Every structure is written in C-alpha cells, then in structure tokens.
N, C-alpha and C. Protein backbone atom coordinates (compact mmCIF):
# COMPACT_ATOMS: atom_id res chain seq x y z
N MET A 1 -22.61 -14.52 -58.32
CA MET A 1 -22.05 -13.07 -58.57
C MET A 1 -23.11 -12.18 -57.88
N LYS A 2 -24.36 -12.31 -58.02
CA LYS A 2 -25.38 -11.05 -57.89
C LYS A 2 -25.38 -11.39 -56.35
N ASN A 3 -25.12 -12.37 -55.58
CA ASN A 3 -25.43 -12.80 -54.15
C ASN A 3 -24.20 -11.94 -53.41
N LEU A 4 -22.97 -11.89 -54.03
CA LEU A 4 -21.74 -11.31 -53.84
C LEU A 4 -22.02 -10.05 -53.73
N PHE A 5 -22.66 -9.40 -54.83
CA PHE A 5 -22.86 -7.89 -54.73
C PHE A 5 -23.58 -7.63 -53.74
N TYR A 6 -24.83 -7.95 -53.52
CA TYR A 6 -25.49 -7.80 -52.42
C TYR A 6 -24.90 -7.95 -51.09
N ASN A 7 -24.26 -8.90 -50.81
CA ASN A 7 -23.62 -9.03 -49.63
C ASN A 7 -22.62 -8.06 -49.26
N ARG A 8 -21.80 -7.60 -50.30
CA ARG A 8 -21.10 -6.29 -50.11
C ARG A 8 -21.58 -5.10 -50.12
N LEU A 9 -22.67 -4.99 -50.70
CA LEU A 9 -23.59 -3.82 -50.59
C LEU A 9 -24.05 -3.79 -49.01
N PHE A 10 -24.53 -5.23 -48.57
CA PHE A 10 -25.27 -4.91 -47.14
C PHE A 10 -24.13 -4.59 -46.11
N CYS A 11 -22.87 -5.09 -46.47
CA CYS A 11 -21.54 -4.88 -45.49
C CYS A 11 -21.54 -3.52 -45.44
N LEU A 12 -21.20 -2.80 -46.56
CA LEU A 12 -20.96 -1.26 -46.86
C LEU A 12 -21.95 -0.59 -46.12
N PHE A 13 -23.43 -1.12 -46.08
CA PHE A 13 -24.35 -0.29 -45.40
C PHE A 13 -24.23 -0.27 -43.94
N ILE A 14 -24.07 -1.36 -43.52
CA ILE A 14 -23.61 -1.91 -41.94
C ILE A 14 -22.38 -0.89 -41.46
N PHE A 15 -21.41 -0.93 -42.26
CA PHE A 15 -20.33 0.00 -42.01
C PHE A 15 -20.66 1.37 -41.98
N ALA A 16 -21.30 1.87 -42.98
CA ALA A 16 -21.85 3.41 -43.00
C ALA A 16 -22.85 3.49 -41.66
N ALA A 17 -23.81 2.84 -41.49
CA ALA A 17 -24.56 3.00 -40.25
C ALA A 17 -23.75 3.05 -38.87
N PHE A 18 -22.83 2.16 -38.88
CA PHE A 18 -22.19 2.18 -37.72
C PHE A 18 -21.23 3.29 -37.46
N PHE A 19 -20.65 3.83 -38.55
CA PHE A 19 -19.75 4.97 -38.06
C PHE A 19 -20.67 6.35 -38.16
N SER A 20 -21.84 6.43 -38.94
CA SER A 20 -22.50 7.32 -38.48
C SER A 20 -23.09 7.69 -37.38
N SER A 21 -23.30 6.62 -36.59
CA SER A 21 -23.85 6.61 -35.23
C SER A 21 -22.81 6.62 -34.12
N CYS A 22 -21.76 6.63 -34.30
CA CYS A 22 -20.71 6.77 -33.34
C CYS A 22 -20.09 8.02 -33.12
N SER A 23 -19.18 8.38 -32.18
CA SER A 23 -18.57 9.60 -32.22
C SER A 23 -17.35 9.74 -33.06
N PHE A 24 -17.29 8.86 -34.20
CA PHE A 24 -16.44 9.30 -35.45
C PHE A 24 -16.58 10.54 -36.00
N PHE A 25 -17.85 11.00 -35.81
CA PHE A 25 -17.95 12.33 -36.51
C PHE A 25 -18.00 13.53 -35.55
N PRO A 26 -17.74 14.64 -35.50
CA PRO A 26 -17.57 15.38 -34.73
C PRO A 26 -18.89 15.90 -34.12
N VAL A 27 -19.09 15.87 -32.58
CA VAL A 27 -20.19 16.53 -31.83
C VAL A 27 -20.37 17.90 -31.52
N HIS A 28 -19.00 18.26 -31.68
CA HIS A 28 -18.81 19.79 -31.03
C HIS A 28 -18.44 20.71 -32.41
N GLU A 29 -18.79 22.03 -32.28
CA GLU A 29 -18.52 22.90 -33.01
C GLU A 29 -18.37 24.25 -32.59
N ASN A 30 -17.53 24.91 -33.46
CA ASN A 30 -17.23 26.48 -33.05
C ASN A 30 -18.17 27.46 -33.58
N VAL A 31 -18.75 28.22 -32.46
CA VAL A 31 -19.95 29.23 -33.06
C VAL A 31 -19.28 30.43 -32.65
N LEU A 32 -19.61 31.36 -33.59
CA LEU A 32 -19.41 32.66 -33.54
C LEU A 32 -20.63 33.54 -32.82
N PHE A 33 -20.49 33.89 -31.60
CA PHE A 33 -21.83 34.66 -30.98
C PHE A 33 -21.30 36.16 -31.06
N SER A 34 -22.28 36.82 -31.23
CA SER A 34 -22.37 38.50 -31.30
C SER A 34 -22.88 38.99 -29.99
N LEU A 35 -22.39 40.12 -29.67
CA LEU A 35 -22.97 40.79 -28.58
C LEU A 35 -23.47 42.19 -28.97
N PRO A 36 -24.41 43.01 -28.21
CA PRO A 36 -25.00 43.99 -28.66
C PRO A 36 -24.49 45.41 -29.17
N GLU A 37 -22.99 45.48 -28.40
CA GLU A 37 -22.33 46.69 -28.63
C GLU A 37 -20.93 46.19 -28.30
N ASN A 38 -19.89 46.90 -28.96
CA ASN A 38 -18.54 46.95 -28.76
C ASN A 38 -18.30 47.55 -27.33
N SER A 39 -18.01 46.72 -26.29
CA SER A 39 -17.76 46.88 -24.98
C SER A 39 -16.98 45.87 -24.41
N GLN A 40 -16.86 45.90 -23.12
CA GLN A 40 -16.31 44.90 -22.33
C GLN A 40 -17.48 44.14 -21.59
N TRP A 41 -17.50 42.92 -21.77
CA TRP A 41 -18.78 41.95 -21.39
C TRP A 41 -18.16 40.89 -20.37
N LYS A 42 -18.95 40.41 -19.54
CA LYS A 42 -18.60 39.25 -18.54
C LYS A 42 -19.76 38.16 -19.03
N VAL A 43 -19.44 37.01 -19.66
CA VAL A 43 -20.17 36.00 -20.30
C VAL A 43 -20.17 34.92 -19.35
N PHE A 44 -21.45 34.46 -18.94
CA PHE A 44 -21.75 33.33 -18.56
C PHE A 44 -22.28 32.45 -19.12
N VAL A 45 -21.91 31.06 -19.22
CA VAL A 45 -22.30 29.93 -20.10
C VAL A 45 -22.84 28.83 -19.09
N SER A 46 -23.99 28.13 -19.42
CA SER A 46 -24.64 27.29 -18.74
C SER A 46 -23.71 25.89 -18.36
N SER A 47 -22.65 25.74 -19.21
CA SER A 47 -21.74 24.69 -19.03
C SER A 47 -21.03 24.81 -17.95
N GLY A 48 -21.00 26.12 -17.44
CA GLY A 48 -20.00 26.32 -16.51
C GLY A 48 -18.79 27.44 -16.40
N GLU A 49 -18.93 27.66 -17.77
CA GLU A 49 -17.55 28.66 -18.10
C GLU A 49 -18.23 30.09 -17.83
N GLU A 50 -17.24 30.97 -17.60
CA GLU A 50 -17.28 32.36 -17.29
C GLU A 50 -15.91 33.00 -17.91
N PHE A 51 -16.15 33.96 -18.77
CA PHE A 51 -15.06 34.57 -19.29
C PHE A 51 -15.34 36.29 -19.68
N LEU A 52 -14.17 36.89 -19.81
CA LEU A 52 -14.40 38.46 -20.35
C LEU A 52 -14.26 38.39 -21.58
N VAL A 53 -15.03 39.38 -22.34
CA VAL A 53 -14.97 39.44 -23.94
C VAL A 53 -14.75 41.06 -24.04
N ASP A 54 -13.74 41.47 -24.48
CA ASP A 54 -13.60 42.73 -25.11
C ASP A 54 -13.80 42.88 -26.64
N GLY A 55 -15.15 43.61 -26.74
CA GLY A 55 -15.58 43.76 -28.23
C GLY A 55 -16.90 43.40 -28.17
N ASN A 56 -17.34 42.99 -29.34
CA ASN A 56 -18.74 42.47 -29.74
C ASN A 56 -18.99 41.15 -30.13
N SER A 57 -18.09 40.48 -30.10
CA SER A 57 -18.14 38.90 -30.39
C SER A 57 -17.19 38.03 -29.92
N PHE A 58 -17.43 36.93 -30.03
CA PHE A 58 -16.48 35.76 -29.37
C PHE A 58 -16.74 34.35 -30.20
N THR A 59 -15.86 33.50 -30.06
CA THR A 59 -16.17 32.13 -30.38
C THR A 59 -16.15 31.06 -29.40
N LEU A 60 -17.04 30.08 -29.53
CA LEU A 60 -17.17 29.15 -28.19
C LEU A 60 -17.34 27.91 -28.90
N SER A 61 -16.75 26.75 -28.44
CA SER A 61 -16.89 25.54 -28.69
C SER A 61 -18.00 24.88 -27.93
N VAL A 62 -19.03 24.47 -28.88
CA VAL A 62 -20.50 23.92 -28.09
C VAL A 62 -20.58 22.53 -28.63
N VAL A 63 -21.69 21.76 -27.95
CA VAL A 63 -22.13 20.60 -28.34
C VAL A 63 -23.07 20.95 -29.32
N ARG A 64 -23.02 20.36 -30.43
CA ARG A 64 -24.14 20.74 -31.77
C ARG A 64 -25.55 20.19 -31.22
N ASN A 65 -26.18 21.48 -31.35
CA ASN A 65 -27.97 21.25 -31.16
C ASN A 65 -28.08 20.91 -29.71
N GLU A 66 -27.33 21.13 -28.76
CA GLU A 66 -27.94 21.02 -27.52
C GLU A 66 -28.08 22.28 -26.72
N PRO A 67 -29.17 22.45 -26.07
CA PRO A 67 -29.50 23.73 -25.70
C PRO A 67 -28.40 24.38 -24.72
N LEU A 68 -27.88 25.44 -24.91
CA LEU A 68 -27.15 26.09 -24.13
C LEU A 68 -27.17 27.42 -23.86
N ALA A 69 -27.21 27.98 -22.30
CA ALA A 69 -27.79 29.30 -22.28
C ALA A 69 -26.35 30.34 -22.05
N LEU A 70 -26.60 31.57 -22.73
CA LEU A 70 -25.36 32.54 -22.83
C LEU A 70 -25.84 33.70 -22.15
N VAL A 71 -25.36 34.15 -21.06
CA VAL A 71 -25.79 35.27 -20.34
C VAL A 71 -24.59 36.33 -20.20
N ALA A 72 -24.81 37.58 -20.72
CA ALA A 72 -23.73 38.63 -20.74
C ALA A 72 -24.07 39.63 -19.93
N ARG A 73 -23.05 40.38 -19.11
CA ARG A 73 -23.51 41.62 -18.25
C ARG A 73 -22.43 42.49 -18.67
N SER A 74 -22.69 43.69 -19.02
CA SER A 74 -21.93 44.77 -19.39
C SER A 74 -20.92 45.05 -18.10
N VAL A 75 -19.55 45.28 -18.05
CA VAL A 75 -18.78 45.31 -17.18
C VAL A 75 -18.99 46.95 -16.80
N SER A 76 -19.50 47.77 -17.77
CA SER A 76 -19.42 49.19 -17.51
C SER A 76 -20.75 49.87 -17.35
N SER A 77 -21.83 49.03 -17.48
CA SER A 77 -23.05 49.30 -17.19
C SER A 77 -24.06 48.41 -16.62
N VAL A 78 -25.21 48.50 -16.51
CA VAL A 78 -26.30 47.59 -16.03
C VAL A 78 -27.01 46.93 -17.10
N LYS A 79 -26.45 47.10 -18.30
CA LYS A 79 -27.12 46.03 -19.24
C LYS A 79 -26.83 44.57 -19.26
N SER A 80 -27.66 43.58 -19.63
CA SER A 80 -27.44 42.42 -19.74
C SER A 80 -28.07 41.94 -21.27
N ALA A 81 -27.44 40.79 -21.46
CA ALA A 81 -28.04 40.31 -23.02
C ALA A 81 -28.03 38.65 -22.89
N GLY A 82 -28.49 38.27 -23.59
CA GLY A 82 -28.56 36.48 -23.36
C GLY A 82 -29.07 36.08 -24.82
N ALA A 83 -28.65 34.71 -25.06
CA ALA A 83 -29.31 33.81 -26.09
C ALA A 83 -29.09 32.50 -25.69
N ILE A 84 -30.13 31.58 -26.43
CA ILE A 84 -29.97 30.38 -26.06
C ILE A 84 -29.65 29.59 -27.57
N TYR A 85 -28.29 28.86 -27.49
CA TYR A 85 -28.07 28.06 -28.52
C TYR A 85 -28.65 26.82 -28.73
N PRO A 86 -29.11 26.26 -29.63
CA PRO A 86 -29.03 26.75 -31.17
C PRO A 86 -29.95 27.63 -31.55
N ILE A 87 -30.85 28.18 -30.91
CA ILE A 87 -31.96 29.30 -31.54
C ILE A 87 -31.25 30.40 -32.13
N ASN A 88 -30.39 31.15 -31.35
CA ASN A 88 -29.84 32.38 -31.68
C ASN A 88 -28.21 32.08 -31.31
N GLU A 89 -27.58 33.01 -32.21
CA GLU A 89 -25.87 33.18 -32.02
C GLU A 89 -25.79 34.43 -31.94
N GLU A 90 -26.96 35.28 -31.60
CA GLU A 90 -26.87 36.78 -31.37
C GLU A 90 -27.22 37.05 -29.88
N LEU A 91 -26.54 37.48 -28.97
CA LEU A 91 -26.92 38.01 -27.51
C LEU A 91 -27.75 39.17 -27.43
N THR A 92 -28.69 39.32 -27.01
CA THR A 92 -29.72 40.66 -27.04
C THR A 92 -30.17 40.76 -25.83
N GLU A 93 -30.76 42.00 -25.43
CA GLU A 93 -31.53 42.58 -24.32
C GLU A 93 -32.81 41.40 -24.33
N GLY A 94 -33.50 41.49 -25.37
CA GLY A 94 -34.81 40.78 -25.44
C GLY A 94 -34.80 39.30 -25.07
N HIS A 95 -33.41 38.63 -25.30
CA HIS A 95 -33.39 37.23 -25.14
C HIS A 95 -32.72 36.94 -23.62
N SER A 96 -32.63 37.96 -22.96
CA SER A 96 -31.96 37.91 -21.57
C SER A 96 -32.68 36.89 -20.73
N PHE A 97 -33.90 37.30 -20.57
CA PHE A 97 -34.84 36.54 -19.46
C PHE A 97 -34.87 35.05 -19.69
N PRO A 98 -35.26 34.51 -21.05
CA PRO A 98 -35.33 33.21 -21.37
C PRO A 98 -33.77 32.44 -21.08
N ALA A 99 -32.73 33.30 -21.44
CA ALA A 99 -31.46 32.63 -21.48
C ALA A 99 -31.02 32.48 -19.65
N GLN A 100 -31.64 33.57 -19.12
CA GLN A 100 -31.35 33.39 -17.64
C GLN A 100 -31.96 32.13 -16.88
N VAL A 101 -33.13 31.90 -17.68
CA VAL A 101 -34.11 30.83 -16.94
C VAL A 101 -33.52 29.52 -17.42
N LEU A 102 -32.90 29.14 -18.60
CA LEU A 102 -32.30 28.12 -18.91
C LEU A 102 -30.79 28.07 -18.12
N TYR A 103 -30.10 29.21 -18.05
CA TYR A 103 -29.05 29.03 -17.16
C TYR A 103 -29.27 28.81 -16.17
N SER A 104 -30.13 29.02 -15.16
CA SER A 104 -30.35 28.84 -13.83
C SER A 104 -30.66 27.53 -13.70
N LEU A 105 -31.54 27.08 -14.64
CA LEU A 105 -32.05 25.79 -14.69
C LEU A 105 -30.91 24.42 -14.78
N ALA A 106 -30.11 25.00 -15.79
CA ALA A 106 -28.94 23.97 -16.07
C ALA A 106 -27.92 23.91 -14.93
N LEU A 107 -27.80 24.97 -14.06
CA LEU A 107 -26.92 25.04 -13.06
C LEU A 107 -27.29 24.57 -11.68
N SER A 108 -28.80 24.21 -11.82
CA SER A 108 -29.36 23.81 -10.44
C SER A 108 -29.10 22.41 -10.18
N SER A 109 -29.15 21.85 -9.08
CA SER A 109 -28.76 20.47 -8.71
C SER A 109 -30.19 19.63 -8.46
N VAL A 110 -31.27 20.10 -9.07
CA VAL A 110 -32.60 19.48 -8.90
C VAL A 110 -32.74 17.93 -9.37
N ASN A 111 -32.38 17.79 -10.55
CA ASN A 111 -32.21 16.32 -10.78
C ASN A 111 -30.88 15.86 -11.28
N THR A 112 -30.73 14.68 -11.53
CA THR A 112 -29.48 14.11 -12.23
C THR A 112 -29.00 14.69 -13.27
N ASP A 113 -27.96 14.77 -13.74
CA ASP A 113 -27.28 15.34 -14.88
C ASP A 113 -27.98 14.71 -16.36
N GLU A 114 -28.71 13.51 -16.17
CA GLU A 114 -29.20 12.90 -17.25
C GLU A 114 -30.61 13.23 -17.28
N GLN A 115 -31.36 13.58 -16.16
CA GLN A 115 -32.59 14.02 -16.08
C GLN A 115 -32.81 15.49 -16.53
N LYS A 116 -31.75 16.12 -16.24
CA LYS A 116 -31.63 17.53 -16.48
C LYS A 116 -31.51 17.79 -17.70
N MET A 117 -30.76 17.17 -18.43
CA MET A 117 -30.31 17.28 -19.88
C MET A 117 -31.63 16.92 -20.83
N TYR A 118 -32.23 15.87 -20.38
CA TYR A 118 -33.48 15.35 -20.98
C TYR A 118 -34.52 16.42 -20.94
N CYS A 119 -34.66 17.07 -20.02
CA CYS A 119 -35.81 18.10 -19.54
C CYS A 119 -35.43 19.31 -20.38
N LEU A 120 -34.08 19.77 -20.44
CA LEU A 120 -33.70 21.00 -20.92
C LEU A 120 -33.63 20.75 -22.53
N SER A 121 -33.39 19.48 -23.10
CA SER A 121 -33.31 19.43 -24.29
C SER A 121 -34.55 19.15 -25.13
N THR A 122 -35.75 18.83 -24.23
CA THR A 122 -36.88 18.52 -24.96
C THR A 122 -37.98 19.55 -24.69
N PHE A 123 -37.71 20.59 -23.86
CA PHE A 123 -38.40 21.89 -23.76
C PHE A 123 -38.36 22.71 -25.24
N ASN A 124 -39.51 23.28 -25.48
CA ASN A 124 -39.50 24.24 -26.43
C ASN A 124 -39.08 25.55 -26.42
N TRP A 125 -37.71 25.53 -26.42
CA TRP A 125 -37.03 27.07 -25.82
C TRP A 125 -37.44 28.26 -26.89
N LYS A 126 -37.62 27.95 -28.11
CA LYS A 126 -37.69 28.83 -29.05
C LYS A 126 -38.99 29.55 -28.89
N ARG A 127 -40.19 28.73 -28.71
CA ARG A 127 -41.65 29.27 -28.41
C ARG A 127 -41.32 29.94 -26.90
N PHE A 128 -40.96 29.50 -26.12
CA PHE A 128 -40.62 30.34 -24.71
C PHE A 128 -40.04 31.53 -24.89
N GLU A 129 -38.92 31.58 -25.71
CA GLU A 129 -38.29 32.70 -26.23
C GLU A 129 -39.19 33.82 -26.84
N GLU A 130 -40.20 33.48 -27.80
CA GLU A 130 -41.02 34.06 -28.55
C GLU A 130 -42.06 34.51 -27.75
N GLU A 131 -42.68 34.12 -26.70
CA GLU A 131 -43.71 34.46 -25.75
C GLU A 131 -43.07 35.42 -24.82
N CYS A 132 -41.68 35.24 -24.26
CA CYS A 132 -41.13 36.26 -23.51
C CYS A 132 -40.95 37.48 -24.30
N GLU A 133 -40.43 37.43 -25.66
CA GLU A 133 -40.32 38.55 -26.33
C GLU A 133 -41.61 39.45 -26.47
N LYS A 134 -42.67 38.71 -26.74
CA LYS A 134 -44.06 39.56 -27.01
C LYS A 134 -44.14 40.27 -25.56
N MET A 135 -43.90 40.12 -24.22
CA MET A 135 -44.11 40.61 -23.34
C MET A 135 -43.36 41.93 -23.04
N GLY A 136 -42.21 42.06 -23.83
CA GLY A 136 -41.30 43.08 -23.72
C GLY A 136 -40.67 43.13 -22.17
N GLU A 137 -40.60 44.38 -21.79
CA GLU A 137 -39.92 44.83 -20.50
C GLU A 137 -40.86 44.12 -19.35
N ASN A 138 -42.08 43.79 -19.44
CA ASN A 138 -42.91 43.21 -18.66
C ASN A 138 -42.42 41.70 -18.08
N VAL A 139 -41.59 41.06 -18.94
CA VAL A 139 -41.26 39.66 -18.80
C VAL A 139 -40.62 39.53 -17.35
N TRP A 140 -39.85 40.85 -17.08
CA TRP A 140 -39.16 40.85 -15.89
C TRP A 140 -39.83 40.82 -14.57
N LYS A 141 -41.11 40.97 -14.55
CA LYS A 141 -41.97 41.09 -13.61
C LYS A 141 -42.63 39.69 -13.50
N VAL A 142 -42.43 38.48 -14.22
CA VAL A 142 -42.74 37.42 -14.07
C VAL A 142 -42.08 36.70 -12.80
N ASN A 143 -42.50 35.81 -12.18
CA ASN A 143 -41.85 35.13 -11.31
C ASN A 143 -40.87 33.82 -11.83
N LYS A 144 -39.65 34.28 -11.81
CA LYS A 144 -38.79 33.25 -12.45
C LYS A 144 -38.88 32.03 -11.71
N GLU A 145 -38.88 32.07 -10.61
CA GLU A 145 -38.64 30.69 -9.53
C GLU A 145 -39.65 29.86 -10.29
N VAL A 146 -40.95 30.26 -10.34
CA VAL A 146 -42.24 29.62 -10.44
C VAL A 146 -42.02 28.97 -12.10
N ILE A 147 -41.50 29.86 -12.91
CA ILE A 147 -41.40 29.32 -14.28
C ILE A 147 -40.40 28.08 -14.33
N MET A 148 -39.38 28.52 -13.52
CA MET A 148 -38.18 27.13 -13.51
C MET A 148 -38.78 25.85 -13.07
N LYS A 149 -39.52 26.03 -11.86
CA LYS A 149 -40.13 24.98 -11.28
C LYS A 149 -41.18 24.19 -12.19
N LYS A 150 -41.90 24.97 -13.01
CA LYS A 150 -42.93 24.33 -14.27
C LYS A 150 -42.16 23.70 -15.21
N ILE A 151 -40.92 24.39 -15.71
CA ILE A 151 -40.37 23.71 -16.65
C ILE A 151 -39.32 22.61 -16.24
N ALA A 152 -38.88 22.33 -15.21
CA ALA A 152 -38.31 21.38 -14.50
C ALA A 152 -39.32 20.23 -14.39
N GLY A 153 -40.50 20.58 -13.88
CA GLY A 153 -41.48 19.49 -13.69
C GLY A 153 -42.35 19.07 -14.88
N GLY A 154 -41.84 19.63 -15.92
CA GLY A 154 -42.57 19.54 -17.49
C GLY A 154 -44.08 19.87 -17.34
N THR A 155 -44.36 20.80 -16.50
CA THR A 155 -45.88 21.25 -16.46
C THR A 155 -46.31 22.58 -16.96
N PHE A 156 -45.22 23.12 -17.42
CA PHE A 156 -44.97 24.57 -17.98
C PHE A 156 -46.17 24.94 -19.13
N LYS A 157 -47.03 25.73 -18.95
CA LYS A 157 -47.84 26.17 -20.21
C LYS A 157 -47.73 27.72 -20.42
N LYS A 158 -47.91 28.14 -21.60
CA LYS A 158 -47.83 29.36 -21.87
C LYS A 158 -48.58 30.38 -21.02
N SER A 159 -49.88 30.04 -20.30
CA SER A 159 -50.31 30.81 -19.40
C SER A 159 -49.69 31.02 -18.21
N ASP A 160 -48.78 30.29 -18.02
CA ASP A 160 -47.74 30.21 -16.51
C ASP A 160 -46.89 31.68 -16.67
N LEU A 161 -46.83 32.29 -18.01
CA LEU A 161 -45.99 33.47 -18.15
C LEU A 161 -46.96 34.48 -17.94
N LYS A 162 -47.05 35.14 -16.47
CA LYS A 162 -47.92 36.20 -16.51
C LYS A 162 -47.16 36.98 -15.30
N ILE A 163 -47.44 38.26 -15.36
CA ILE A 163 -46.89 39.18 -14.51
C ILE A 163 -47.41 38.80 -13.17
N GLU A 164 -46.48 38.90 -12.02
CA GLU A 164 -46.81 38.72 -10.81
C GLU A 164 -47.38 39.88 -10.21
N LYS A 165 -48.34 39.64 -9.47
CA LYS A 165 -49.17 40.70 -8.74
C LYS A 165 -48.69 41.30 -7.64
N THR A 166 -48.45 42.41 -7.75
CA THR A 166 -47.76 43.29 -6.41
C THR A 166 -48.96 43.55 -5.51
N LYS A 167 -48.61 43.21 -4.05
CA LYS A 167 -49.66 43.41 -2.98
C LYS A 167 -49.77 44.86 -2.64
C-alpha cells in the first residue's frame, strides 16, 4: 500500500514536471507600454513590427522575459523615446539610446538567430541602461557602432561607454 502511494506520487511529480517545462503554459503575454506624452508616435519593435500610436499608451504581445527593444519617434516633432522590455514598460527619452542599440543589434544579420538571441538575452541590459542614463545627453556622443560590436562580441565593458573625441 505504501509503495502504491509513492508510485502514484512519483507519477504525479513526473506529470507536473513534464507539463511545466513544455509549451502548455503560455510564453507570450500582453503588456501595456506607455509613451511620454499624448501625441502620435511611430513605434519600431526589435521583433520587426512597426505601427502608429495615437495617444500615450499601447498594448503589445511579447515573449515573456525575452529582451525586446521598443523605439518610438514622434510624428510631429524630433522627439524619440525608448524602452527595453522586460526592464521597462515606459518609453522615455532617457532610455532611447540603449533601446536603439538593442534594436539595431536585434535587426542586424551578424550572427544566426540562435547566436544573436543568446547574446542579447545574456547581456546585462539593465546595467547598460543605468550607465547610459548616468551620462545624460552625452550618451548620444558615444560611438554606437563600437558599442554594438563590443556587445555582439561579448567584450563590452563599462569603460567602453565613453564620449567620442572630436578632431
């Protein structure tokens, strides 16, 4: 009788482990993103989507916890905003540079999709975003191409985020 109980318990455990690791549970979620102001925005997503938003928020279906860049440009002005999901759900001007770096890397064809996703999902985007934010407006003086190559090559260091010297 005791063995039967443990056998059933073991089968239940295997059954639960199997279903929790397969695609039985949803991997996508709908996320509400907000924009800096109530205006018309053109939104670019690193998954390849582009769309217009009238207002200050939109909902997007995303892969849970997978890095995704969102870059928005105002249709009526030169403002841009950005966010990296899952770190932020609010697109801001301060997060625009890191979001544009991730967006450019995700759309580049340097590596295979599998290699690219491994690189992009293991990089510490939160720390990168924080360091960029500390630089303020000066972050736009950083050589974006050099930063992208270092991130893609897995050799990026905080000290690489430096203002490009003008000649």
